[in-house]
Protein backbone atom coordinates (compact mmCIF):
# COMPACT_ATOMS: atom_id res chain seq x y z
CA MET A 1 1.82 12.58 -6.55
CA ALA A 2 -1.72 13.88 -5.52
CA ILE A 3 -3.62 15.76 -7.69
CA THR A 4 -6.30 18.60 -7.16
CA ILE A 5 -9.09 19.00 -10.08
CA ASN A 6 -11.75 21.33 -10.48
CA LEU A 7 -14.94 19.60 -10.54
CA ASN A 8 -17.10 22.16 -11.98
CA ASN A 9 -16.73 21.21 -15.63
CA GLU A 10 -17.01 17.41 -16.21
CA GLN A 11 -15.57 17.55 -20.04
CA GLU A 12 -12.50 19.84 -19.20
CA VAL A 13 -11.72 17.58 -16.25
CA MET A 14 -11.59 14.37 -18.28
CA GLN A 15 -9.86 15.92 -21.06
CA TYR A 16 -7.02 17.18 -18.74
CA LEU A 17 -6.76 13.70 -17.09
CA ASP A 18 -6.54 12.16 -20.63
CA LYS A 19 -4.12 14.58 -21.66
CA THR A 20 -1.86 14.17 -18.74
CA PHE A 21 -2.18 10.46 -17.95
CA GLY A 22 -2.97 9.08 -21.14
CA ALA A 23 -6.38 7.77 -22.08
CA THR A 24 -8.45 6.70 -19.06
CA GLY A 25 -11.06 4.87 -21.04
CA CYS A 26 -13.70 6.66 -19.05
CA ASN A 27 -16.31 9.42 -20.25
CA SER A 28 -17.21 10.76 -16.85
CA ILE A 29 -15.67 11.48 -13.44
CA ARG A 30 -18.13 8.76 -11.79
CA GLY A 31 -17.12 6.15 -14.25
CA LEU A 32 -13.16 7.19 -13.66
CA VAL A 33 -13.73 6.98 -9.97
CA GLU A 34 -15.81 3.57 -9.94
CA SER A 35 -12.95 1.99 -12.09
CA ARG A 36 -10.06 3.37 -10.67
CA LEU A 37 -10.89 3.30 -6.97
CA GLN A 38 -8.15 1.94 -4.57
CA VAL A 39 -7.44 2.01 -0.73
CA ARG A 40 -4.13 3.70 0.38
CA ILE A 41 -2.88 2.71 3.99
CA ALA A 42 -0.53 5.49 5.17
CA GLN A 43 0.70 6.78 8.50
CA ASN A 44 -1.58 9.26 10.23
CA ASN A 45 0.86 11.94 10.21
CA LYS A 46 0.03 15.47 10.15
CA ARG A 47 0.17 15.76 6.73
CA VAL A 48 -2.39 12.75 6.34
CA GLN A 49 -4.67 14.31 8.99
CA LYS A 50 -5.01 17.30 6.99
CA LEU A 51 -6.41 15.81 3.77
CA PRO A 52 -10.15 16.49 3.31
CA VAL A 53 -10.74 12.72 2.61
CA PRO A 54 -12.77 10.14 4.41
CA LYS A 55 -10.18 7.86 6.87
CA ARG A 56 -10.62 4.86 8.74
CA PHE A 57 -8.36 3.46 11.33
CA PHE A 58 -6.11 0.40 10.30
CA LEU A 59 -3.74 -0.72 12.86
CA GLY A 60 -0.97 1.06 14.91
CA ASP A 61 -0.36 4.57 13.52
CA MET A 62 -1.94 3.59 10.09
CA VAL A 63 -5.22 4.99 8.65
CA MET A 64 -6.54 4.15 5.23
CA TYR A 65 -8.38 6.39 2.85
CA PRO A 66 -9.62 6.15 -0.95
CA VAL A 67 -7.69 7.30 -3.79
CA VAL A 68 -8.10 7.22 -7.85
CA ASP A 69 -5.25 5.47 -9.09
CA LEU A 70 -3.77 6.84 -12.57
CA MET A 71 -0.68 4.96 -12.46
CA GLN A 72 1.39 8.00 -12.89
CA GLY A 73 -0.29 9.93 -9.75
CA ASN A 74 -3.48 9.64 -7.67
CA ILE A 75 -6.55 11.82 -7.32
CA MET A 76 -7.53 12.14 -3.74
CA VAL A 77 -11.01 11.13 -3.11
CA SER A 78 -12.32 14.18 -1.11
CA TYR A 79 -15.67 14.64 0.33
CA ASN A 80 -16.46 17.19 -2.58
CA LEU A 81 -15.61 14.54 -5.12
CA ILE A 82 -17.75 11.91 -3.35
CA GLU A 83 -20.64 14.39 -3.53
CA THR A 84 -20.01 14.82 -7.34
CA VAL A 85 -19.99 11.20 -8.34
CA GLY A 86 -23.20 10.52 -6.07
CA LEU A 87 -21.77 7.87 -4.03
CA THR A 88 -21.93 7.26 -0.30
CA GLU A 89 -18.75 7.07 1.57
CA SER A 90 -19.64 3.35 2.57
CA GLU A 91 -19.97 2.71 -1.37
CA ILE A 92 -16.51 4.40 -1.80
CA PHE A 93 -14.95 2.39 0.45
CA GLU A 94 -16.51 -1.03 -0.36
CA ILE A 95 -15.48 -0.66 -4.28
CA ALA A 96 -11.81 0.78 -3.42
CA LEU A 97 -11.33 -2.09 -0.85
CA ASP A 98 -12.75 -4.65 -3.70
CA HIS A 99 -10.30 -3.27 -6.20
CA SER A 100 -7.43 -3.09 -3.87
CA LEU A 101 -7.80 -6.98 -3.05
CA LYS A 102 -7.96 -7.90 -6.54
CA LYS A 103 -4.56 -6.59 -7.27
CA ASN A 104 -2.01 -9.43 -7.84
CA ILE A 105 0.66 -9.35 -5.06
CA HIS A 106 4.32 -9.67 -6.02
CA MET A 107 7.29 -11.07 -3.79
CA THR A 108 11.01 -10.56 -4.78
CA SER A 109 14.20 -11.24 -2.76
CA ILE A 110 17.40 -9.44 -3.08
CA ILE A 111 19.78 -12.47 -2.33
CA PRO A 112 22.25 -14.51 -4.22
CA ASP A 113 20.44 -16.77 -6.34
CA SER A 114 21.82 -20.50 -7.09
CA LYS A 115 24.47 -18.89 -9.09
CA ARG A 116 25.41 -16.48 -6.56
CA ILE A 117 24.25 -13.57 -8.80
CA VAL A 118 22.95 -10.46 -6.48
CA GLY A 119 19.75 -8.93 -7.72
CA PHE A 120 16.10 -9.11 -7.48
CA HIS A 121 14.57 -12.32 -7.74
CA GLU A 122 10.86 -12.95 -8.30
CA ILE A 123 9.70 -15.91 -5.82
CA THR A 124 6.48 -17.99 -5.18
CA LEU A 125 4.66 -19.05 -1.91
CA SER A 126 6.54 -22.25 -2.29
CA ASP A 127 9.78 -20.71 -2.48
CA ILE A 128 9.22 -18.15 0.40
CA LYS A 129 10.40 -20.27 3.41
CA GLU A 130 14.04 -20.96 1.88
CA TYR A 131 14.37 -17.29 0.84
CA LEU A 132 13.22 -15.71 3.90
CA LYS A 133 16.02 -17.91 5.91
CA GLU A 134 18.79 -15.92 3.87
CA GLY A 135 17.26 -12.45 4.03
CA ASN A 136 14.16 -10.05 3.65
CA LEU A 137 11.55 -10.17 1.05
CA ILE A 138 9.79 -7.41 -0.59
CA MET A 139 6.15 -7.54 -1.19
CA THR A 140 3.99 -5.22 -3.37
CA SER A 141 1.15 -5.37 -5.82
CA THR A 142 0.84 -5.06 -9.59
CA GLY A 143 2.05 -1.65 -10.62
CA GLU A 144 3.50 -1.18 -7.27
CA ASN A 145 1.48 2.19 -6.80
CA ASN A 146 -0.15 1.72 -3.27
CA GLY A 147 1.04 -1.75 -2.91
CA ALA A 148 1.42 -1.98 0.67
CA SER A 149 -2.29 -1.69 0.91
CA SER A 150 -3.11 -4.71 -1.27
CA VAL A 151 -0.66 -6.74 0.88
CA LEU A 152 -1.67 -5.65 4.16
CA LEU A 153 -5.50 -5.85 3.46
CA ASN A 154 -5.34 -9.59 2.04
CA LYS A 155 -5.71 -11.73 4.95
CA LYS A 156 -5.87 -14.71 3.03
CA PHE A 157 -2.60 -14.11 1.47
CA LEU A 158 -0.72 -13.13 4.62
CA LYS A 159 -2.25 -16.36 6.21
CA SER A 160 -0.83 -18.60 3.22
CA VAL A 161 2.56 -16.84 4.01
CA TYR A 162 1.99 -17.89 7.67
CA GLU A 163 1.30 -21.39 6.79
CA GLN A 164 4.81 -21.68 4.94
CA THR A 165 6.96 -19.81 7.28
CA GLY A 166 5.27 -19.60 10.62
CA LYS A 167 5.28 -16.20 12.43
CA TYR A 168 6.86 -13.57 10.29
CA PHE A 169 7.79 -9.68 10.71
CA ILE A 170 6.58 -6.88 8.73
CA ILE A 171 8.59 -3.79 8.27
CA PRO A 172 6.83 -0.70 6.68
CA SER A 173 9.09 0.38 3.74
CA SER A 174 6.51 3.05 2.04
CA ILE A 175 2.69 3.09 1.14
CA HIS A 176 3.85 1.20 -2.00
CA GLU A 177 5.65 -1.72 -0.17
CA ILE A 178 6.62 -3.94 2.52
CA LEU A 179 9.39 -6.02 3.75
CA LEU A 180 8.99 -9.29 5.30
CA PHE A 181 11.47 -10.56 8.23
CA GLN A 182 12.16 -13.65 10.11
CA PRO A 183 11.36 -13.07 13.88
CA PRO A 184 13.72 -10.87 15.96
CA THR A 185 16.02 -12.78 18.55
CA GLY A 186 14.60 -10.52 21.07
CA GLU A 187 13.35 -7.31 22.44
CA ASP A 188 16.58 -5.53 21.78
CA GLU A 189 16.46 -6.49 18.20
CA ILE A 190 12.90 -5.39 17.94
CA SER A 191 13.54 -1.78 19.57
CA TYR A 192 16.40 -1.66 17.26
CA MET A 193 14.21 -2.29 14.22
CA LYS A 194 11.65 0.30 15.47
CA TRP A 195 14.37 2.89 15.52
CA LEU A 196 15.45 2.07 12.12
CA VAL A 197 12.14 2.51 10.75
CA ARG A 198 11.70 5.80 12.48
CA GLU A 199 15.13 6.64 11.14
CA MET A 200 14.44 5.70 7.51
CA ASN A 201 11.18 7.41 7.53
CA GLU A 202 12.67 10.78 8.54
CA THR A 203 15.72 10.82 6.34
CA ASN A 204 14.47 8.73 3.10
CA VAL A 205 10.85 8.80 2.81
CA GLU A 206 8.74 11.50 1.85
CA ILE A 207 6.05 12.39 4.61
CA ASN A 208 3.14 11.49 2.34
CA GLU A 209 4.83 8.08 1.31
CA ARG A 210 5.39 6.90 4.89
CA LEU A 211 3.54 3.62 5.86
CA SER A 212 4.19 3.60 9.70
CA ASP A 213 6.78 4.23 12.25
CA SER A 214 6.23 0.98 14.14
CA ILE A 215 6.74 -2.80 12.91
CA TYR A 216 4.07 -5.46 12.91
CA TYR A 217 3.87 -9.51 13.03
CA PHE A 218 1.87 -12.21 11.89
CA ASP A 219 0.76 -15.17 13.79
CA GLY A 220 -2.44 -16.00 12.25
CA ALA A 221 -3.61 -12.16 12.55
CA LEU A 222 -1.97 -9.12 11.71
CA LYS A 223 -0.50 -7.19 14.95
CA GLU A 224 1.73 -4.15 16.02
CA ALA A 225 4.98 -5.52 17.81
C-alpha cells in the first residue's frame, strides 16, 4: 500500500502516521525518513514510470527507488518529500541501500522434511544445496516488506549461495520475495519459465507488486537469462 501525505504540517503528518501505523518513534518527518528508508526494486512498468520518485536502473526490466517502510504500508519518497527533509537524492539512495542491506535474509522451502511433512521449512546456507535438489527455495528479508530488494542487492549473500550450489536461477515472485531454482535443462525450459512468470504476473500479481517479467541467474554475478 502506497501512502500520499500532505507535507505542509509536520505535526499533523506525524500524528496521522502514529495513529494509522502505531508509534513511529520519530518526532519529525526527516527523522522518520532517515530511520525507515529502504530500496524497493520493481518492474519498470507504466504504473512505476508514473511515480514522481527518483529511480535508478537495476537489471533487465527492473528499477529501484526509495520508500519509507512503515511495515503495514510504504511512503513513496517523492521529489517533494526529498526537498522537505533537506537531503539530496544521492543521500536518500545511500541511506536506503544501507538499510536494505542490513536486513536479515530468510530462506524457506516448501518440500517434505525428514518426516515427509509438507510445509514451510526454514533453512540455512549449509542446507541449501540439499533442499535445492528437491524443489524451489523462497528468499525474502525480515518482515518480508520489499524483501526481494534485500536479496538481490546483497552481492555477498548471493555469492555465498553460489559457493554452496554453483550456478542457480532466480524467478521473480513479487517485490517482496524471489524463488531460487536449479539451472533449467535447456532453452525450451528457460522459455517456458519466462512465459510462466509473465502469465503469473498478469493473473496473480498486482501491477505495483510486480518485480520482473524475466528470469535471472547467478554464476558469480547476477545476470538476465
